[in-house]
N, C-alpha and C. Protein backbone atom coordinates (compact mmCIF):
# COMPACT_ATOMS: atom_id res chain seq x y z
N MET A 1 30.21 -10.99 -23.66
CA MET A 1 29.26 -11.11 -22.26
C MET A 1 27.92 -11.63 -22.66
N THR A 2 27.76 -12.64 -23.09
CA THR A 2 26.46 -13.20 -23.29
C THR A 2 25.32 -12.76 -23.08
N GLU A 3 24.36 -12.41 -23.81
CA GLU A 3 22.92 -11.64 -23.19
C GLU A 3 22.20 -12.88 -22.98
N GLN A 4 21.89 -13.04 -21.77
CA GLN A 4 20.53 -13.79 -21.37
C GLN A 4 18.97 -13.37 -21.92
N PRO A 5 18.75 -14.76 -22.68
CA PRO A 5 17.36 -14.57 -23.49
C PRO A 5 15.87 -14.21 -22.10
N THR A 6 15.24 -13.05 -22.79
CA THR A 6 13.69 -12.79 -21.88
C THR A 6 13.30 -13.62 -21.96
N PRO A 7 12.56 -14.29 -21.02
CA PRO A 7 11.67 -15.44 -20.35
C PRO A 7 10.45 -14.89 -21.53
N THR A 8 9.67 -16.09 -21.35
CA THR A 8 8.26 -15.86 -22.57
C THR A 8 7.36 -16.09 -20.72
N VAL A 9 6.13 -14.93 -21.17
CA VAL A 9 5.24 -15.00 -20.22
C VAL A 9 4.03 -15.25 -20.59
N THR A 10 3.15 -16.66 -19.85
CA THR A 10 2.65 -17.02 -20.34
C THR A 10 0.97 -16.91 -19.80
N SER A 11 0.31 -16.03 -20.15
CA SER A 11 -0.90 -15.43 -19.93
C SER A 11 -2.01 -16.45 -19.67
N ILE A 12 -3.06 -16.23 -18.86
CA ILE A 12 -3.91 -17.39 -18.37
C ILE A 12 -4.82 -16.43 -18.33
N ALA A 13 -6.06 -17.16 -19.44
CA ALA A 13 -6.94 -16.20 -19.43
C ALA A 13 -8.08 -16.73 -18.62
N THR A 14 -8.07 -18.00 -17.99
CA THR A 14 -9.43 -18.15 -17.12
C THR A 14 -8.41 -19.17 -15.84
N PRO A 15 -7.78 -18.53 -14.93
CA PRO A 15 -7.83 -19.09 -13.76
C PRO A 15 -8.27 -19.86 -13.29
N SER A 16 -7.49 -21.35 -12.74
CA SER A 16 -8.38 -22.49 -11.91
C SER A 16 -8.24 -21.97 -10.29
N MET A 17 -9.57 -22.03 -9.99
CA MET A 17 -9.44 -21.68 -8.55
C MET A 17 -10.32 -22.88 -7.88
N GLU A 18 -10.14 -22.96 -6.56
CA GLU A 18 -10.04 -23.77 -5.54
C GLU A 18 -11.56 -24.48 -5.22
N GLN A 19 -12.17 -23.68 -5.35
CA GLN A 19 -13.75 -23.58 -4.62
C GLN A 19 -14.95 -22.65 -5.38
N THR A 20 -15.83 -23.11 -5.18
CA THR A 20 -16.54 -21.71 -5.62
C THR A 20 -17.90 -22.07 -4.64
N HIS A 21 -18.18 -20.99 -4.06
CA HIS A 21 -19.32 -20.76 -3.21
C HIS A 21 -20.35 -19.26 -3.30
N TYR A 22 -21.48 -19.94 -3.59
CA TYR A 22 -22.33 -18.67 -4.18
C TYR A 22 -22.19 -18.39 -5.76
N GLY A 23 -21.86 -18.90 -6.13
CA GLY A 23 -21.47 -19.00 -7.39
C GLY A 23 -20.34 -17.97 -7.89
N ILE A 24 -19.51 -17.88 -6.62
CA ILE A 24 -18.17 -17.22 -7.11
C ILE A 24 -16.66 -17.96 -6.68
N ALA A 25 -16.09 -17.95 -7.91
CA ALA A 25 -14.44 -18.75 -7.70
C ALA A 25 -13.92 -18.16 -6.88
N ILE A 26 -13.31 -18.84 -5.97
CA ILE A 26 -12.18 -18.45 -4.90
C ILE A 26 -11.50 -19.32 -4.99
N ALA A 27 -9.77 -18.84 -4.10
CA ALA A 27 -8.51 -19.40 -4.06
C ALA A 27 -7.73 -18.83 -3.36
N ASN A 28 -6.75 -19.18 -2.64
CA ASN A 28 -6.01 -19.04 -1.79
C ASN A 28 -4.91 -17.80 -2.23
N LEU A 29 -4.45 -17.15 -1.61
CA LEU A 29 -3.81 -16.25 -2.13
C LEU A 29 -2.43 -15.90 -0.90
N GLY A 30 -1.54 -16.27 -1.30
CA GLY A 30 -0.21 -16.51 -0.85
C GLY A 30 -0.27 -17.61 0.84
N THR A 31 0.57 -17.39 1.61
CA THR A 31 0.98 -18.23 2.32
C THR A 31 -0.03 -17.34 3.72
N GLU A 32 -0.49 -16.50 3.88
CA GLU A 32 -0.76 -15.79 5.43
C GLU A 32 -2.42 -15.72 5.53
N GLY A 33 -2.75 -16.83 4.44
CA GLY A 33 -4.61 -16.73 4.98
C GLY A 33 -5.36 -15.79 3.60
N GLY A 34 -4.45 -14.65 2.89
CA GLY A 34 -5.65 -14.10 2.19
C GLY A 34 -5.94 -14.97 0.82
N ALA A 35 -7.19 -14.61 0.43
CA ALA A 35 -7.74 -15.14 -0.63
C ALA A 35 -7.79 -14.29 -1.73
N ILE A 36 -8.71 -14.81 -3.34
CA ILE A 36 -8.77 -13.92 -4.18
C ILE A 36 -10.12 -14.70 -4.89
N ALA A 37 -11.26 -14.00 -5.08
CA ALA A 37 -12.21 -13.84 -5.94
C ALA A 37 -12.26 -13.83 -7.30
N LEU A 38 -13.03 -14.56 -8.31
CA LEU A 38 -12.72 -13.70 -9.74
C LEU A 38 -14.20 -13.13 -9.32
N GLY A 39 -13.91 -11.94 -10.52
CA GLY A 39 -15.23 -11.17 -10.28
C GLY A 39 -15.42 -9.97 -9.44
N HIS A 40 -16.48 -9.03 -10.02
CA HIS A 40 -16.92 -8.19 -8.63
C HIS A 40 -18.72 -8.17 -8.24
N HIS A 41 -18.44 -8.72 -7.36
CA HIS A 41 -19.94 -9.09 -6.63
C HIS A 41 -20.98 -7.95 -5.37
N ASN A 42 -22.18 -8.29 -5.58
CA ASN A 42 -22.58 -7.30 -4.60
C ASN A 42 -22.05 -7.88 -3.32
N ASP A 43 -22.14 -7.18 -2.09
CA ASP A 43 -21.31 -7.06 -1.09
C ASP A 43 -21.69 -8.45 -0.19
N ALA A 44 -23.11 -8.70 0.09
CA ALA A 44 -23.46 -9.72 0.79
C ALA A 44 -22.82 -11.17 0.25
N GLN A 45 -23.21 -11.18 -1.39
CA GLN A 45 -22.93 -12.53 -1.82
C GLN A 45 -21.27 -13.05 -1.86
N THR A 46 -20.41 -11.92 -1.71
CA THR A 46 -19.01 -11.61 -1.66
C THR A 46 -18.64 -12.22 -0.22
N LEU A 47 -19.11 -11.44 0.74
CA LEU A 47 -19.08 -11.88 2.27
C LEU A 47 -19.64 -13.24 2.43
N ALA A 48 -20.40 -13.34 1.77
CA ALA A 48 -21.04 -14.97 2.42
C ALA A 48 -19.85 -15.82 1.72
N ALA A 49 -19.64 -15.94 0.17
CA ALA A 49 -18.69 -16.33 -0.22
C ALA A 49 -17.18 -16.73 0.80
N PHE A 50 -16.54 -15.66 0.44
CA PHE A 50 -15.70 -15.65 1.56
C PHE A 50 -15.54 -16.22 3.12
N ARG A 51 -16.79 -16.23 3.62
CA ARG A 51 -17.08 -16.87 5.02
C ARG A 51 -16.96 -18.37 5.17
N ALA A 52 -17.59 -18.73 3.85
CA ALA A 52 -17.79 -20.07 3.52
C ALA A 52 -16.58 -20.97 3.17
N PHE A 53 -15.74 -20.03 2.25
CA PHE A 53 -14.51 -20.28 1.76
C PHE A 53 -12.98 -20.66 2.98
N THR A 54 -13.36 -19.36 3.78
CA THR A 54 -12.31 -19.61 5.26
C THR A 54 -13.12 -20.01 6.47
N GLU A 55 -12.10 -20.12 7.19
CA GLU A 55 -12.24 -20.47 8.79
C GLU A 55 -11.95 -19.07 9.47
N MET A 56 -11.34 -18.26 8.82
CA MET A 56 -11.07 -16.84 9.50
C MET A 56 -12.41 -15.93 9.45
N PRO A 57 -11.97 -15.12 10.06
CA PRO A 57 -13.26 -13.82 10.42
C PRO A 57 -13.31 -13.47 9.01
N VAL A 58 -13.95 -13.20 8.69
CA VAL A 58 -14.46 -12.08 7.42
C VAL A 58 -15.41 -11.00 7.66
N ASP A 59 -14.90 -9.78 7.15
CA ASP A 59 -15.40 -8.50 7.33
C ASP A 59 -15.16 -7.62 6.37
N GLY A 60 -16.19 -6.46 5.85
CA GLY A 60 -16.09 -6.02 4.75
C GLY A 60 -15.23 -5.49 4.57
N GLU A 61 -14.72 -4.72 5.60
CA GLU A 61 -13.39 -3.84 5.84
C GLU A 61 -12.09 -4.44 5.23
N ARG A 62 -12.12 -5.70 5.08
CA ARG A 62 -10.71 -6.27 4.59
C ARG A 62 -10.87 -7.11 3.16
N ILE A 63 -12.20 -6.57 2.38
CA ILE A 63 -12.28 -7.04 1.21
C ILE A 63 -11.91 -5.76 0.53
N THR A 64 -11.46 -5.93 -0.81
CA THR A 64 -11.17 -4.42 -1.75
C THR A 64 -11.23 -5.62 -3.57
N ARG A 65 -11.91 -4.72 -3.96
CA ARG A 65 -12.19 -4.61 -5.25
C ARG A 65 -11.10 -4.57 -6.37
N GLY A 66 -10.57 -5.14 -7.05
CA GLY A 66 -9.32 -4.79 -8.11
C GLY A 66 -9.23 -5.52 -9.31
N TRP A 67 -8.16 -5.17 -9.99
CA TRP A 67 -8.14 -5.99 -11.50
C TRP A 67 -6.69 -6.73 -11.49
N ALA A 68 -6.85 -7.51 -12.05
CA ALA A 68 -5.43 -8.68 -12.11
C ALA A 68 -5.68 -9.02 -13.73
N CYS A 69 -3.90 -9.43 -13.78
CA CYS A 69 -3.73 -10.09 -15.11
C CYS A 69 -2.94 -11.55 -14.35
N PHE A 70 -3.24 -12.69 -14.96
CA PHE A 70 -3.08 -14.01 -14.40
C PHE A 70 -1.96 -14.38 -15.50
N ARG A 71 -0.46 -14.96 -15.01
CA ARG A 71 0.03 -15.62 -15.74
C ARG A 71 0.94 -16.78 -15.13
N ALA A 72 1.89 -17.79 -16.13
CA ALA A 72 2.69 -18.57 -15.41
C ALA A 72 3.45 -18.31 -14.34
N PRO A 73 3.80 -19.30 -13.37
CA PRO A 73 4.85 -18.53 -12.68
C PRO A 73 6.02 -18.74 -13.30
N GLN A 74 7.35 -18.18 -13.03
CA GLN A 74 8.18 -18.09 -13.92
C GLN A 74 9.78 -18.16 -12.99
N PRO A 75 9.94 -19.67 -12.30
CA PRO A 75 10.71 -19.63 -11.10
C PRO A 75 12.26 -19.37 -11.28
N ALA A 76 12.18 -19.67 -12.56
CA ALA A 76 13.54 -19.86 -13.30
C ALA A 76 14.37 -18.14 -13.14
N THR A 77 13.60 -17.30 -13.22
CA THR A 77 14.23 -15.93 -13.09
C THR A 77 14.49 -15.66 -11.82
N GLY A 78 14.53 -16.58 -11.04
CA GLY A 78 15.42 -16.13 -9.93
C GLY A 78 13.98 -15.42 -8.78
N ALA A 79 13.40 -15.16 -9.59
CA ALA A 79 12.09 -14.38 -8.57
C ALA A 79 11.58 -15.02 -7.43
N TRP A 80 10.49 -14.76 -6.37
CA TRP A 80 9.91 -15.83 -5.33
C TRP A 80 8.92 -16.74 -5.77
N GLU A 81 8.93 -16.64 -6.72
CA GLU A 81 7.67 -17.52 -7.19
C GLU A 81 8.26 -19.27 -7.69
N GLU A 82 6.62 -20.09 -7.22
CA GLU A 82 7.68 -21.60 -6.98
C GLU A 82 6.90 -22.00 -7.84
N ALA A 83 7.63 -23.05 -8.78
CA ALA A 83 7.04 -23.73 -10.03
C ALA A 83 6.25 -24.56 -9.93
N ASP A 84 5.27 -24.94 -8.48
CA ASP A 84 3.94 -25.68 -8.24
C ASP A 84 3.08 -24.89 -8.34
N TRP A 85 2.93 -23.56 -8.12
CA TRP A 85 2.13 -22.59 -8.32
C TRP A 85 1.16 -23.01 -9.78
N LEU A 86 -0.15 -22.69 -9.46
CA LEU A 86 -1.25 -22.92 -10.44
C LEU A 86 -1.08 -21.61 -11.73
N TRP A 87 -0.87 -20.54 -10.85
CA TRP A 87 -0.83 -19.20 -11.59
C TRP A 87 -0.22 -18.03 -10.66
N VAL A 88 0.26 -17.08 -11.28
CA VAL A 88 0.42 -15.76 -10.29
C VAL A 88 -0.27 -14.32 -10.59
N ALA A 89 -1.05 -13.95 -10.07
CA ALA A 89 -2.18 -12.72 -10.22
C ALA A 89 -1.37 -11.58 -9.88
N GLU A 90 -1.11 -10.27 -10.71
CA GLU A 90 -0.40 -9.36 -10.67
C GLU A 90 -1.57 -8.10 -10.73
N PRO A 91 -1.47 -7.28 -9.96
CA PRO A 91 -2.81 -6.35 -9.94
C PRO A 91 -2.03 -5.33 -11.14
N VAL A 92 -3.23 -4.52 -11.91
CA VAL A 92 -3.53 -3.71 -12.71
C VAL A 92 -4.37 -3.09 -12.98
N THR A 93 -4.70 -2.47 -13.82
CA THR A 93 -5.82 -1.11 -13.55
C THR A 93 -7.03 -2.13 -14.75
N ALA A 94 -8.03 -1.40 -14.71
CA ALA A 94 -9.06 -1.83 -15.66
C ALA A 94 -8.93 -1.78 -17.03
N ALA A 95 -8.14 -1.28 -17.23
CA ALA A 95 -7.56 -0.54 -18.72
C ALA A 95 -6.56 -1.09 -19.58
N THR A 96 -5.76 -2.44 -18.54
CA THR A 96 -4.90 -3.17 -18.73
C THR A 96 -5.45 -4.19 -19.59
N PRO A 97 -5.10 -4.48 -20.99
CA PRO A 97 -5.27 -5.70 -22.01
C PRO A 97 -4.99 -7.05 -20.97
N GLY A 98 -6.25 -7.50 -21.26
CA GLY A 98 -6.12 -9.28 -20.30
C GLY A 98 -6.32 -9.08 -18.79
N ALA A 99 -6.96 -7.70 -18.56
CA ALA A 99 -7.24 -7.91 -17.01
C ALA A 99 -8.67 -8.01 -16.58
N ILE A 100 -9.02 -8.89 -15.38
CA ILE A 100 -10.07 -9.50 -14.92
C ILE A 100 -10.24 -9.02 -13.62
N ALA A 101 -11.62 -8.71 -13.60
CA ALA A 101 -11.99 -8.20 -12.01
C ALA A 101 -11.73 -9.56 -10.92
N VAL A 102 -11.40 -8.84 -9.89
CA VAL A 102 -10.97 -9.81 -9.10
C VAL A 102 -11.67 -9.16 -7.79
N THR A 103 -11.57 -10.03 -6.62
CA THR A 103 -12.19 -9.58 -5.19
C THR A 103 -10.85 -9.51 -4.61
N TYR A 104 -10.59 -9.09 -3.44
CA TYR A 104 -9.43 -9.71 -2.73
C TYR A 104 -9.80 -9.87 -1.19
N LEU A 105 -9.89 -10.65 -0.23
CA LEU A 105 -9.67 -10.61 1.07
C LEU A 105 -8.04 -10.86 1.79
N GLU A 106 -8.03 -9.35 2.40
CA GLU A 106 -6.65 -9.49 3.14
C GLU A 106 -6.81 -10.60 4.64
N ALA A 107 -5.88 -10.74 4.30
CA ALA A 107 -5.04 -12.38 5.82
C ALA A 107 -4.96 -10.77 7.10
């Protein structure tokens, strides 16, 4: 049996975002209306940025802070990822090498 090569994971240190509001870079996350912003910012600035970005109602209860590593999508692995995506954000801990502070808006 031939062993399959392990796919190379391409890390993305500075992910492209769709828009910037109040100094916060934001992009859609998924197809259900969620969003992701780079960094951890004060609550008022974060709420204002997400409200400017989306037409959905935004309240503080749908916002969470976390950490993510960004990488290129790997559709060839048979995963759910699509080739036209700019990146995949994988939730990680702050101690993970390459982790970037992010703020999520749940759909």
